[in-house]
Amino acid sequence: MKTYRRCRYVVILAVTMTLILVTTRVNSQNAANPSGSSGVPAGNAARGKRVYVKYGCYECHGREAQGSPATGPRLGPDPFPYEAFSQYVRSPAGQMPPYTKKVVSDQDLADICAFLESLPHPPAANTIPLLQ
């Protein structure tokens, strides 16, 4: 059981590091090409929530993208920038299946990203009476 937990945390760490590297690469590409129009489709958060459920994202990441150490990382609030998010969804590391453009359109991804950006932050622990 300890080996399983250790492997699970290693996978989570590897996915996190991959996302950080992808974000850094996208940010450096954006800095090298500040064109103003990035070609990112405008997202719709309400539609994004429906699409998030339609494609089964909630099955691993939870209905509110809260994530779980056993199934998938937290996605929101404060998701990765669209470019990094899109790149990872298209070519993921770990156990996540790839979602190519044939499966999930760029517009659907932009809508999912808008949904993740719209999620509220959880309350601070010191503001929850039961935790006092």
N, C-alpha and C. Protein backbone atom coordinates (compact mmCIF):
# COMPACT_ATOMS: atom_id res chain seq x y z
N MET A 1 0.83 -1.19 0.00
CA MET A 1 0.00 0.00 0.00
C MET A 1 0.87 1.25 0.00
N LYS A 2 1.98 1.22 0.76
CA LYS A 2 2.87 2.38 0.79
C LYS A 2 3.50 2.62 -0.58
N THR A 3 3.81 1.55 -1.28
CA THR A 3 4.40 1.68 -2.62
C THR A 3 3.40 2.33 -3.56
N TYR A 4 2.13 1.95 -3.48
CA TYR A 4 1.09 2.55 -4.32
C TYR A 4 0.97 4.04 -4.05
N ARG A 5 0.93 4.41 -2.78
CA ARG A 5 0.84 5.84 -2.42
C ARG A 5 2.06 6.61 -2.91
N ARG A 6 3.22 6.03 -2.75
CA ARG A 6 4.45 6.68 -3.18
C ARG A 6 4.43 6.88 -4.70
N CYS A 7 4.02 5.85 -5.43
CA CYS A 7 3.93 5.95 -6.90
C CYS A 7 2.91 6.99 -7.31
N ARG A 8 1.80 7.05 -6.61
CA ARG A 8 0.76 8.02 -6.92
C ARG A 8 1.29 9.44 -6.74
N TYR A 9 2.02 9.68 -5.67
CA TYR A 9 2.56 11.01 -5.44
C TYR A 9 3.66 11.36 -6.45
N VAL A 10 4.42 10.36 -6.87
CA VAL A 10 5.43 10.59 -7.90
C VAL A 10 4.76 10.98 -9.21
N VAL A 11 3.66 10.32 -9.56
CA VAL A 11 2.93 10.65 -10.78
C VAL A 11 2.37 12.07 -10.68
N ILE A 12 1.78 12.41 -9.55
CA ILE A 12 1.23 13.76 -9.36
C ILE A 12 2.35 14.79 -9.47
N LEU A 13 3.49 14.52 -8.88
CA LEU A 13 4.62 15.44 -8.97
C LEU A 13 5.09 15.58 -10.41
N ALA A 14 5.15 14.48 -11.14
CA ALA A 14 5.59 14.52 -12.54
C ALA A 14 4.61 15.33 -13.39
N VAL A 15 3.32 15.15 -13.17
CA VAL A 15 2.31 15.92 -13.92
C VAL A 15 2.44 17.40 -13.59
N THR A 16 2.62 17.73 -12.32
CA THR A 16 2.76 19.12 -11.91
C THR A 16 3.99 19.75 -12.55
N MET A 17 5.09 19.05 -12.54
CA MET A 17 6.32 19.58 -13.15
C MET A 17 6.15 19.76 -14.65
N THR A 18 5.46 18.83 -15.29
CA THR A 18 5.20 18.95 -16.73
C THR A 18 4.37 20.19 -17.02
N LEU A 19 3.34 20.41 -16.22
CA LEU A 19 2.51 21.60 -16.41
C LEU A 19 3.31 22.88 -16.21
N ILE A 20 4.19 22.89 -15.23
CA ILE A 20 5.03 24.07 -15.00
C ILE A 20 5.94 24.31 -16.19
N LEU A 21 6.54 23.24 -16.70
CA LEU A 21 7.42 23.39 -17.87
C LEU A 21 6.65 23.86 -19.09
N VAL A 22 5.46 23.32 -19.31
CA VAL A 22 4.64 23.74 -20.45
C VAL A 22 4.27 25.20 -20.32
N THR A 23 3.87 25.62 -19.12
CA THR A 23 3.52 27.02 -18.89
C THR A 23 4.71 27.93 -19.14
N THR A 24 5.87 27.54 -18.67
CA THR A 24 7.08 28.34 -18.88
C THR A 24 7.39 28.45 -20.36
N ARG A 25 7.25 27.35 -21.08
CA ARG A 25 7.53 27.36 -22.52
C ARG A 25 6.55 28.26 -23.26
N VAL A 26 5.26 28.16 -22.92
CA VAL A 26 4.24 28.98 -23.58
C VAL A 26 4.49 30.46 -23.27
N ASN A 27 4.80 30.76 -22.01
CA ASN A 27 5.07 32.15 -21.64
C ASN A 27 6.27 32.71 -22.39
N SER A 28 7.31 31.91 -22.57
CA SER A 28 8.48 32.39 -23.29
C SER A 28 8.17 32.57 -24.77
N GLN A 29 7.32 31.71 -25.33
CA GLN A 29 6.90 31.88 -26.72
C GLN A 29 6.05 33.13 -26.88
N ASN A 30 5.18 33.40 -25.92
CA ASN A 30 4.35 34.61 -25.98
C ASN A 30 5.20 35.87 -25.84
N ALA A 31 6.24 35.82 -25.03
CA ALA A 31 7.11 36.98 -24.87
C ALA A 31 7.89 37.24 -26.17
N ALA A 32 8.22 36.18 -26.87
CA ALA A 32 8.96 36.32 -28.12
C ALA A 32 8.07 36.78 -29.27
N ASN A 33 6.75 36.60 -29.14
CA ASN A 33 5.81 36.95 -30.19
C ASN A 33 4.63 37.73 -29.64
N PRO A 34 4.83 38.99 -29.20
CA PRO A 34 3.73 39.77 -28.63
C PRO A 34 2.88 40.41 -29.71
N SER A 35 2.07 39.62 -30.40
CA SER A 35 1.33 40.12 -31.54
C SER A 35 0.00 40.78 -31.18
N GLY A 36 -0.44 40.62 -29.93
CA GLY A 36 -1.71 41.21 -29.55
C GLY A 36 -2.88 40.28 -29.82
N SER A 37 -2.95 39.66 -30.98
CA SER A 37 -4.02 38.70 -31.25
C SER A 37 -3.41 37.30 -31.19
N SER A 38 -3.72 36.59 -30.14
CA SER A 38 -3.11 35.29 -29.92
C SER A 38 -3.85 34.16 -30.61
N GLY A 39 -5.01 34.44 -31.19
CA GLY A 39 -5.76 33.38 -31.83
C GLY A 39 -6.52 32.52 -30.85
N VAL A 40 -6.60 32.92 -29.59
CA VAL A 40 -7.32 32.18 -28.58
C VAL A 40 -8.81 32.49 -28.73
N PRO A 41 -9.66 31.48 -28.91
CA PRO A 41 -11.09 31.75 -29.02
C PRO A 41 -11.65 32.27 -27.70
N ALA A 42 -12.64 33.15 -27.79
CA ALA A 42 -13.30 33.65 -26.59
C ALA A 42 -14.10 32.52 -25.97
N GLY A 43 -14.00 32.37 -24.66
CA GLY A 43 -14.69 31.28 -23.98
C GLY A 43 -15.98 31.73 -23.32
N ASN A 44 -16.90 30.80 -23.15
CA ASN A 44 -18.18 31.03 -22.50
C ASN A 44 -18.25 30.09 -21.29
N ALA A 45 -18.26 30.67 -20.08
CA ALA A 45 -18.19 29.86 -18.86
C ALA A 45 -19.40 28.94 -18.69
N ALA A 46 -20.61 29.42 -19.01
CA ALA A 46 -21.81 28.59 -18.85
C ALA A 46 -21.75 27.39 -19.79
N ARG A 47 -21.36 27.64 -21.03
CA ARG A 47 -21.22 26.54 -21.99
C ARG A 47 -20.06 25.63 -21.55
N GLY A 48 -18.98 26.24 -21.03
CA GLY A 48 -17.84 25.47 -20.57
C GLY A 48 -18.18 24.47 -19.49
N LYS A 49 -19.09 24.86 -18.59
CA LYS A 49 -19.51 23.93 -17.53
C LYS A 49 -20.22 22.73 -18.14
N ARG A 50 -21.08 22.97 -19.13
CA ARG A 50 -21.79 21.86 -19.80
C ARG A 50 -20.80 20.96 -20.55
N VAL A 51 -19.85 21.58 -21.24
CA VAL A 51 -18.87 20.81 -22.01
C VAL A 51 -17.96 20.01 -21.07
N TYR A 52 -17.58 20.62 -19.93
CA TYR A 52 -16.76 19.95 -18.91
C TYR A 52 -17.43 18.64 -18.47
N VAL A 53 -18.75 18.69 -18.28
CA VAL A 53 -19.49 17.50 -17.89
C VAL A 53 -19.64 16.55 -19.08
N LYS A 54 -19.94 17.09 -20.26
CA LYS A 54 -20.14 16.27 -21.47
C LYS A 54 -18.94 15.38 -21.77
N TYR A 55 -17.73 15.94 -21.65
CA TYR A 55 -16.52 15.17 -21.96
C TYR A 55 -16.02 14.36 -20.78
N GLY A 56 -16.71 14.42 -19.64
CA GLY A 56 -16.36 13.58 -18.50
C GLY A 56 -15.19 14.09 -17.67
N CYS A 57 -14.84 15.36 -17.80
CA CYS A 57 -13.72 15.91 -17.02
C CYS A 57 -13.98 15.75 -15.51
N TYR A 58 -15.26 15.88 -15.13
CA TYR A 58 -15.63 15.80 -13.72
C TYR A 58 -15.32 14.44 -13.12
N GLU A 59 -15.24 13.40 -13.94
CA GLU A 59 -15.01 12.06 -13.41
C GLU A 59 -13.67 11.94 -12.70
N CYS A 60 -12.68 12.68 -13.14
CA CYS A 60 -11.37 12.65 -12.49
C CYS A 60 -11.09 13.92 -11.68
N HIS A 61 -11.57 15.04 -12.18
CA HIS A 61 -11.23 16.33 -11.57
C HIS A 61 -12.31 16.89 -10.66
N GLY A 62 -13.46 16.23 -10.56
CA GLY A 62 -14.54 16.67 -9.69
C GLY A 62 -15.46 17.66 -10.39
N ARG A 63 -16.69 17.77 -9.91
CA ARG A 63 -17.70 18.64 -10.52
C ARG A 63 -17.30 20.11 -10.50
N GLU A 64 -16.56 20.51 -9.49
CA GLU A 64 -16.11 21.91 -9.39
C GLU A 64 -14.61 22.02 -9.63
N ALA A 65 -14.05 21.05 -10.31
CA ALA A 65 -12.62 21.02 -10.69
C ALA A 65 -11.70 21.04 -9.48
N GLN A 66 -12.21 20.54 -8.35
CA GLN A 66 -11.44 20.56 -7.11
C GLN A 66 -10.34 19.52 -7.08
N GLY A 67 -10.43 18.50 -7.93
CA GLY A 67 -9.38 17.50 -8.01
C GLY A 67 -9.39 16.53 -6.85
N SER A 68 -8.51 15.54 -6.94
CA SER A 68 -8.36 14.53 -5.91
C SER A 68 -7.00 13.87 -6.09
N PRO A 69 -6.30 13.59 -5.01
CA PRO A 69 -5.00 12.91 -5.14
C PRO A 69 -5.13 11.53 -5.80
N ALA A 70 -6.31 10.92 -5.70
CA ALA A 70 -6.49 9.58 -6.25
C ALA A 70 -6.85 9.56 -7.72
N THR A 71 -7.44 10.66 -8.24
CA THR A 71 -7.95 10.60 -9.61
C THR A 71 -7.37 11.64 -10.56
N GLY A 72 -7.27 12.88 -10.14
CA GLY A 72 -6.77 13.93 -11.03
C GLY A 72 -6.53 15.22 -10.27
N PRO A 73 -5.63 16.07 -10.76
CA PRO A 73 -5.29 17.30 -10.04
C PRO A 73 -6.40 18.35 -10.09
N ARG A 74 -6.32 19.28 -9.17
CA ARG A 74 -7.24 20.42 -9.14
C ARG A 74 -6.99 21.27 -10.37
N LEU A 75 -8.06 21.71 -11.02
CA LEU A 75 -7.94 22.52 -12.21
C LEU A 75 -8.33 23.98 -11.98
N GLY A 76 -9.15 24.25 -11.00
CA GLY A 76 -9.60 25.62 -10.78
C GLY A 76 -9.86 25.85 -9.32
N PRO A 77 -10.03 27.05 -8.89
CA PRO A 77 -9.89 28.27 -9.69
C PRO A 77 -8.43 28.52 -10.07
N ASP A 78 -8.21 29.55 -10.82
CA ASP A 78 -6.87 29.93 -11.31
C ASP A 78 -6.24 28.83 -12.17
N PRO A 79 -6.89 28.48 -13.28
CA PRO A 79 -6.30 27.47 -14.16
C PRO A 79 -5.08 28.00 -14.88
N PHE A 80 -4.39 27.11 -15.56
CA PHE A 80 -3.26 27.51 -16.38
C PHE A 80 -3.77 28.39 -17.53
N PRO A 81 -2.90 29.21 -18.11
CA PRO A 81 -3.31 29.99 -19.28
C PRO A 81 -3.80 29.06 -20.38
N TYR A 82 -4.68 29.57 -21.23
CA TYR A 82 -5.31 28.74 -22.26
C TYR A 82 -4.28 27.96 -23.08
N GLU A 83 -3.20 28.61 -23.51
CA GLU A 83 -2.24 27.95 -24.38
C GLU A 83 -1.63 26.71 -23.69
N ALA A 84 -1.25 26.86 -22.43
CA ALA A 84 -0.67 25.74 -21.69
C ALA A 84 -1.73 24.66 -21.43
N PHE A 85 -2.92 25.10 -21.09
CA PHE A 85 -4.04 24.18 -20.84
C PHE A 85 -4.32 23.36 -22.10
N SER A 86 -4.43 24.04 -23.23
CA SER A 86 -4.71 23.38 -24.50
C SER A 86 -3.60 22.39 -24.87
N GLN A 87 -2.38 22.82 -24.73
CA GLN A 87 -1.25 21.95 -25.08
C GLN A 87 -1.24 20.70 -24.21
N TYR A 88 -1.55 20.86 -22.92
CA TYR A 88 -1.54 19.70 -22.04
C TYR A 88 -2.71 18.75 -22.35
N VAL A 89 -3.89 19.31 -22.60
CA VAL A 89 -5.05 18.47 -22.91
C VAL A 89 -4.81 17.68 -24.20
N ARG A 90 -4.16 18.31 -25.15
CA ARG A 90 -3.89 17.65 -26.44
C ARG A 90 -2.80 16.57 -26.32
N SER A 91 -1.80 16.80 -25.45
CA SER A 91 -0.68 15.86 -25.29
C SER A 91 -0.36 15.71 -23.81
N PRO A 92 -1.20 15.01 -23.05
CA PRO A 92 -0.99 14.93 -21.61
C PRO A 92 0.10 13.94 -21.21
N ALA A 93 0.54 14.09 -19.98
CA ALA A 93 1.46 13.13 -19.37
C ALA A 93 0.64 12.31 -18.37
N GLY A 94 1.16 11.21 -17.95
CA GLY A 94 0.46 10.42 -16.95
C GLY A 94 -0.69 9.63 -17.54
N GLN A 95 -1.76 9.47 -16.77
CA GLN A 95 -2.85 8.59 -17.16
C GLN A 95 -3.98 9.29 -17.91
N MET A 96 -3.92 10.59 -18.04
CA MET A 96 -4.99 11.31 -18.74
C MET A 96 -4.95 10.97 -20.23
N PRO A 97 -6.10 10.65 -20.80
CA PRO A 97 -6.11 10.37 -22.24
C PRO A 97 -5.98 11.68 -23.03
N PRO A 98 -5.39 11.63 -24.22
CA PRO A 98 -5.30 12.85 -25.03
C PRO A 98 -6.65 13.18 -25.66
N TYR A 99 -6.96 14.47 -25.70
CA TYR A 99 -8.18 14.96 -26.34
C TYR A 99 -7.75 15.77 -27.56
N THR A 100 -7.71 15.12 -28.71
CA THR A 100 -7.27 15.77 -29.93
C THR A 100 -8.36 16.73 -30.42
N LYS A 101 -8.03 17.50 -31.47
CA LYS A 101 -9.01 18.44 -32.04
C LYS A 101 -10.20 17.70 -32.65
N LYS A 102 -10.01 16.43 -33.01
CA LYS A 102 -11.12 15.64 -33.53
C LYS A 102 -12.13 15.32 -32.44
N VAL A 103 -11.66 15.28 -31.19
CA VAL A 103 -12.53 14.93 -30.07
C VAL A 103 -13.08 16.19 -29.40
N VAL A 104 -12.20 17.14 -29.08
CA VAL A 104 -12.59 18.39 -28.40
C VAL A 104 -12.07 19.55 -29.24
N SER A 105 -12.98 20.40 -29.67
CA SER A 105 -12.59 21.54 -30.50
C SER A 105 -11.87 22.60 -29.67
N ASP A 106 -11.17 23.51 -30.35
CA ASP A 106 -10.52 24.62 -29.66
C ASP A 106 -11.55 25.48 -28.94
N GLN A 107 -12.73 25.64 -29.55
CA GLN A 107 -13.79 26.43 -28.90
C GLN A 107 -14.26 25.76 -27.61
N ASP A 108 -14.41 24.43 -27.63
CA ASP A 108 -14.80 23.71 -26.42
C ASP A 108 -13.75 23.87 -25.33
N LEU A 109 -12.48 23.80 -25.71
CA LEU A 109 -11.41 23.98 -24.72
C LEU A 109 -11.43 25.39 -24.15
N ALA A 110 -11.67 26.39 -25.01
CA ALA A 110 -11.74 27.78 -24.53
C ALA A 110 -12.91 27.94 -23.57
N ASP A 111 -14.03 27.28 -23.86
CA ASP A 111 -15.19 27.34 -22.97
C ASP A 111 -14.90 26.66 -21.63
N ILE A 112 -14.23 25.51 -21.67
CA ILE A 112 -13.86 24.83 -20.42
C ILE A 112 -12.91 25.71 -19.62
N CYS A 113 -11.95 26.32 -20.28
CA CYS A 113 -11.00 27.21 -19.59
C CYS A 113 -11.75 28.39 -18.96
N ALA A 114 -12.73 28.95 -19.67
CA ALA A 114 -13.53 30.06 -19.12
C ALA A 114 -14.31 29.59 -17.90
N PHE A 115 -14.84 28.37 -17.94
CA PHE A 115 -15.54 27.81 -16.78
C PHE A 115 -14.59 27.70 -15.59
N LEU A 116 -13.39 27.18 -15.84
CA LEU A 116 -12.41 27.03 -14.75
C LEU A 116 -12.01 28.38 -14.18
N GLU A 117 -11.88 29.39 -15.03
CA GLU A 117 -11.54 30.73 -14.57
C GLU A 117 -12.67 31.36 -13.76
N SER A 118 -13.91 30.94 -14.03
CA SER A 118 -15.07 31.53 -13.34
C SER A 118 -15.30 30.95 -11.95
N LEU A 119 -14.63 29.87 -11.62
CA LEU A 119 -14.86 29.22 -10.32
C LEU A 119 -14.38 30.13 -9.19
N PRO A 120 -15.19 30.24 -8.13
CA PRO A 120 -14.78 31.08 -7.00
C PRO A 120 -13.71 30.39 -6.16
N HIS A 121 -12.93 31.19 -5.48
CA HIS A 121 -11.95 30.64 -4.53
C HIS A 121 -12.70 30.13 -3.31
N PRO A 122 -12.22 29.05 -2.70
CA PRO A 122 -12.87 28.58 -1.47
C PRO A 122 -12.63 29.57 -0.34
N PRO A 123 -13.50 29.56 0.67
CA PRO A 123 -13.29 30.48 1.79
C PRO A 123 -12.02 30.10 2.56
N ALA A 124 -11.41 31.09 3.17
CA ALA A 124 -10.23 30.84 4.00
C ALA A 124 -10.64 30.01 5.21
N ALA A 125 -9.77 29.12 5.64
CA ALA A 125 -10.07 28.22 6.75
C ALA A 125 -10.45 28.99 8.02
N ASN A 126 -9.83 30.15 8.22
CA ASN A 126 -10.11 30.91 9.46
C ASN A 126 -11.46 31.62 9.41
N THR A 127 -12.18 31.56 8.27
CA THR A 127 -13.51 32.16 8.18
C THR A 127 -14.62 31.13 8.31
N ILE A 128 -14.27 29.87 8.49
CA ILE A 128 -15.27 28.80 8.62
C ILE A 128 -15.46 28.51 10.11
N PRO A 129 -16.65 28.83 10.65
CA PRO A 129 -16.87 28.68 12.10
C PRO A 129 -16.60 27.28 12.63
N LEU A 130 -16.95 26.25 11.89
CA LEU A 130 -16.76 24.88 12.35
C LEU A 130 -15.28 24.56 12.57
N LEU A 131 -14.40 25.25 11.87
CA LEU A 131 -12.96 25.00 12.00
C LEU A 131 -12.30 25.83 13.11
N GLN A 132 -13.07 26.66 13.73
CA GLN A 132 -12.51 27.53 14.79
C GLN A 132 -12.37 26.78 16.09
